[in-house]
């Protein structure tokens, strides 16, 4: 017969091992169900993206995502508040010298704001999908910072930040099913790093 002091720890160890083997989430999430990520998009933005030589920049989301759902088919859902840091140019036009004769010009956005982010990993190794929206109920330390300078027309386009949608609806084709594993995943001008 087992000693009562040994029996309970043994049962708890078996349950924990079973949960880890099946990928079941603990009712009390721990760091094992969190991942640190950096999602970086590169290039310029706007109606005339790619038409202003030598402009570009980065738009990034970084921080901790927590596993909120993991299915037996390998699909997973992560959610969290990530910091968005933006240093990006938008290409546009300006009158040169009249409205019907235009020249290309650009504006620059420096921004920083928290975003509520979900990352869904699909079953059958079909990649991942990222959605984000400006965070609500900000803490005093989480204020939106935004500065736009340069050409007025593309500057007006940048004014939608952070409700611009650039960092939402992003697909990454090479993310494998299941929990996010450390690595670097790329699709065109978009990179996801899982630490």
Protein backbone atom coordinates (compact mmCIF):
# COMPACT_ATOMS: atom_id res chain seq x y z
CA UNK A 1 0.00 0.00 0.00
CA UNK A 2 1.26 3.50 -0.92
CA UNK A 3 2.13 6.00 1.74
CA UNK A 4 -0.51 8.82 1.72
CA UNK A 5 2.22 11.47 1.66
CA UNK A 6 3.63 9.97 -1.54
CA UNK A 7 0.28 9.19 -3.20
CA UNK A 8 -1.02 12.76 -3.76
CA UNK A 9 2.25 14.13 -5.24
CA UNK A 10 2.42 11.06 -7.50
CA UNK A 11 -1.16 11.66 -8.79
CA UNK A 12 -0.45 15.35 -9.38
CA UNK A 13 2.71 14.48 -11.30
CA UNK A 14 0.81 12.00 -13.53
CA UNK A 15 -1.97 14.57 -14.24
CA UNK A 16 0.60 17.27 -15.07
CA UNK A 17 2.48 14.89 -17.38
CA UNK A 18 -0.77 13.94 -19.12
CA UNK A 19 -1.74 17.59 -19.63
CA UNK A 20 1.68 18.37 -21.05
CA UNK A 21 1.53 15.37 -23.39
CA UNK A 22 -1.91 16.28 -24.77
CA UNK A 23 -1.23 20.02 -24.93
CA UNK A 24 -4.09 20.73 -22.52
CA UNK A 25 -3.97 24.22 -21.08
CA UNK A 26 -3.66 24.57 -17.35
CA UNK A 27 -6.56 26.32 -15.57
CA UNK A 28 -3.83 28.51 -14.06
CA UNK A 29 -1.75 29.69 -17.05
CA UNK A 30 1.97 29.75 -16.49
CA UNK A 31 4.90 31.03 -18.48
CA UNK A 32 4.89 27.69 -20.35
CA UNK A 33 1.81 28.95 -22.22
CA UNK A 34 3.33 32.32 -23.08
CA UNK A 35 5.64 33.27 -25.93
CA UNK A 36 7.60 36.43 -26.61
CA UNK A 37 7.19 37.54 -30.21
CA UNK A 38 8.29 40.27 -32.59
CA UNK A 39 6.31 40.87 -35.78
CA UNK A 40 8.00 43.27 -38.20
CA UNK A 41 6.70 44.62 -41.53
CA UNK A 42 9.13 46.49 -43.79
CA UNK A 43 8.59 48.89 -46.65
CA UNK A 44 6.57 52.01 -47.37
CA UNK A 45 2.80 52.35 -47.18
CA UNK A 46 0.02 54.32 -48.80
CA UNK A 47 -1.82 54.59 -52.06
CA UNK A 48 1.45 54.97 -54.00
CA UNK A 49 3.58 52.46 -52.04
CA UNK A 50 6.74 51.64 -53.93
CA UNK A 51 6.67 54.74 -56.13
CA UNK A 52 8.88 57.03 -54.00
CA UNK A 53 12.46 55.83 -54.42
CA UNK A 54 14.46 55.36 -51.26
CA UNK A 55 11.63 55.54 -48.72
CA UNK A 56 10.42 52.75 -46.46
CA UNK A 57 10.57 51.96 -42.78
CA UNK A 58 9.29 49.41 -40.29
CA UNK A 59 6.06 48.77 -38.42
CA UNK A 60 6.39 46.28 -35.58
CA UNK A 61 4.48 44.56 -32.79
CA UNK A 62 6.40 43.09 -29.87
CA UNK A 63 5.76 41.55 -26.47
CA UNK A 64 4.16 38.53 -24.81
CA UNK A 65 1.27 36.49 -26.25
CA UNK A 66 -0.56 33.92 -24.14
CA UNK A 67 -1.99 30.65 -25.44
CA UNK A 68 -5.77 30.84 -25.01
CA UNK A 69 -6.86 27.78 -27.01
CA UNK A 70 -5.18 24.65 -28.41
CA UNK A 71 -7.17 22.04 -30.34
CA UNK A 72 -6.28 18.43 -31.06
CA UNK A 73 -5.99 19.21 -34.79
CA UNK A 74 -3.05 21.57 -34.14
CA UNK A 75 -4.92 24.85 -34.38
CA UNK A 76 -4.03 27.33 -31.65
CA UNK A 77 -5.03 30.82 -30.63
CA UNK A 78 -2.82 33.34 -28.85
CA UNK A 79 -3.83 36.75 -27.53
CA UNK A 80 -2.14 39.63 -25.76
CA UNK A 81 -1.31 43.31 -25.67
CA UNK A 82 1.75 44.09 -27.78
CA UNK A 83 3.58 47.36 -28.20
CA UNK A 84 3.46 48.78 -31.71
CA UNK A 85 6.47 50.83 -32.78
CA UNK A 86 6.23 52.53 -36.17
CA UNK A 87 8.81 54.42 -38.23
CA UNK A 88 7.38 54.39 -41.72
CA UNK A 89 7.04 56.52 -44.84
CA UNK A 90 3.97 56.94 -47.04
CA UNK A 91 4.35 57.86 -50.67
CA UNK A 92 1.97 60.37 -52.28
CA UNK A 93 1.78 63.34 -54.61
CA UNK A 94 1.94 67.12 -54.46
CA UNK A 95 1.13 69.85 -57.01
CA UNK A 96 4.15 70.60 -59.19
CA UNK A 97 3.50 73.40 -59.95
CA UNK A 98 -0.29 73.00 -60.42
CA UNK A 99 -2.96 70.47 -59.35
CA UNK A 100 -2.93 68.77 -62.76
CA UNK A 101 0.85 68.43 -62.75
CA UNK A 102 2.02 66.45 -59.74
CA UNK A 103 5.31 65.22 -58.32
CA UNK A 104 5.88 62.31 -55.97
CA UNK A 105 6.56 63.16 -52.33
CA UNK A 106 6.41 61.39 -48.98
CA UNK A 107 5.54 61.85 -45.32
CA UNK A 108 7.05 60.12 -42.29
CA UNK A 109 5.22 58.71 -39.26
CA UNK A 110 6.86 58.06 -35.88
CA UNK A 111 4.40 56.24 -33.67
CA UNK A 112 4.16 54.11 -30.54
CA UNK A 113 1.02 52.57 -29.04
CA UNK A 114 -0.22 49.35 -27.42
CA UNK A 115 -2.34 47.04 -29.59
CA UNK A 116 -4.62 44.14 -28.67
CA UNK A 117 -3.43 41.26 -30.84
CA UNK A 118 -4.66 37.77 -31.70
CA UNK A 119 -2.54 35.24 -33.54
CA UNK A 120 -4.29 32.14 -34.88
CA UNK A 121 -2.27 29.11 -35.92
CA UNK A 122 -4.14 26.91 -38.43
CA UNK A 123 -4.36 23.11 -38.52
CA UNK A 124 -2.58 21.08 -41.22
CA UNK A 125 0.44 23.43 -41.32
CA UNK A 126 -1.54 26.10 -43.18
CA UNK A 127 0.23 28.98 -41.45
CA UNK A 128 -0.96 31.71 -39.10
CA UNK A 129 -3.11 34.84 -39.21
CA UNK A 130 -2.52 37.99 -37.14
CA UNK A 131 -5.17 40.56 -36.23
CA UNK A 132 -4.66 43.70 -34.16
CA UNK A 133 -6.60 46.75 -33.04
CA UNK A 134 -5.75 49.75 -30.90
CA UNK A 135 -5.90 48.83 -27.21
CA UNK A 136 -8.69 50.25 -25.09
CA UNK A 137 -8.50 51.34 -21.43
CA UNK A 138 -4.87 52.40 -21.60
CA UNK A 139 -2.73 52.75 -18.52
CA UNK A 140 -1.12 56.19 -17.94
CA UNK A 141 2.20 54.74 -19.16
CA UNK A 142 0.58 53.47 -22.39
CA UNK A 143 -0.24 56.74 -24.13
CA UNK A 144 -0.45 56.94 -27.91
CA UNK A 145 2.53 58.80 -29.38
CA UNK A 146 2.28 59.98 -32.98
CA UNK A 147 4.25 62.51 -35.04
CA UNK A 148 3.75 63.07 -38.77
CA UNK A 149 5.96 65.29 -40.89
CA UNK A 150 6.52 65.80 -44.58
CA UNK A 151 4.24 66.10 -47.58
CA UNK A 152 0.57 66.90 -46.66
CA UNK A 153 -1.29 64.42 -48.92
CA UNK A 154 0.44 61.23 -47.72
CA UNK A 155 0.56 62.81 -44.23
CA UNK A 156 -3.26 62.88 -44.23
CA UNK A 157 -3.24 59.18 -45.08
CA UNK A 158 -0.91 58.45 -42.14
CA UNK A 159 -3.22 60.32 -39.75
CA UNK A 160 -5.41 57.20 -39.39
CA UNK A 161 -2.69 55.64 -37.20
CA UNK A 162 -3.19 53.49 -35.14
CA UNK A 163 -6.64 52.60 -36.57
CA UNK A 164 -5.07 52.13 -40.00
CA UNK A 165 -5.30 48.33 -40.33
CA UNK A 166 -1.73 47.91 -41.64
CA UNK A 167 -0.78 45.51 -38.86
CA UNK A 168 -4.00 43.49 -39.03
CA UNK A 169 -5.07 40.74 -41.39
CA UNK A 170 -1.49 39.55 -41.86
CA UNK A 171 -0.82 36.01 -43.01
CA UNK A 172 2.32 33.94 -42.47
CA UNK A 173 2.35 30.77 -44.56
CA UNK A 174 5.30 28.92 -43.01
CA UNK A 175 4.16 28.79 -39.35
CA UNK A 176 3.64 25.09 -38.45
CA UNK A 177 0.54 23.87 -36.62
CA UNK A 178 0.53 23.52 -32.84
CA UNK A 179 2.08 25.71 -30.20
CA UNK A 180 4.43 28.43 -31.40
CA UNK A 181 8.00 27.20 -31.32
CA UNK A 182 11.09 29.43 -31.22
CA UNK A 183 12.14 30.42 -34.71
CA UNK A 184 11.89 32.96 -37.51
CA UNK A 185 9.01 32.83 -40.00
CA UNK A 186 8.88 35.05 -43.11
CA UNK A 187 6.36 36.00 -45.78
CA UNK A 188 7.40 38.69 -48.28
CA UNK A 189 8.06 41.88 -46.25
CA UNK A 190 6.76 40.39 -42.99
CA UNK A 191 8.81 38.55 -40.34
CA UNK A 192 7.61 36.82 -37.16
CA UNK A 193 10.24 35.93 -34.56
CA UNK A 194 9.22 33.66 -31.68
CA UNK A 195 11.72 33.69 -28.81
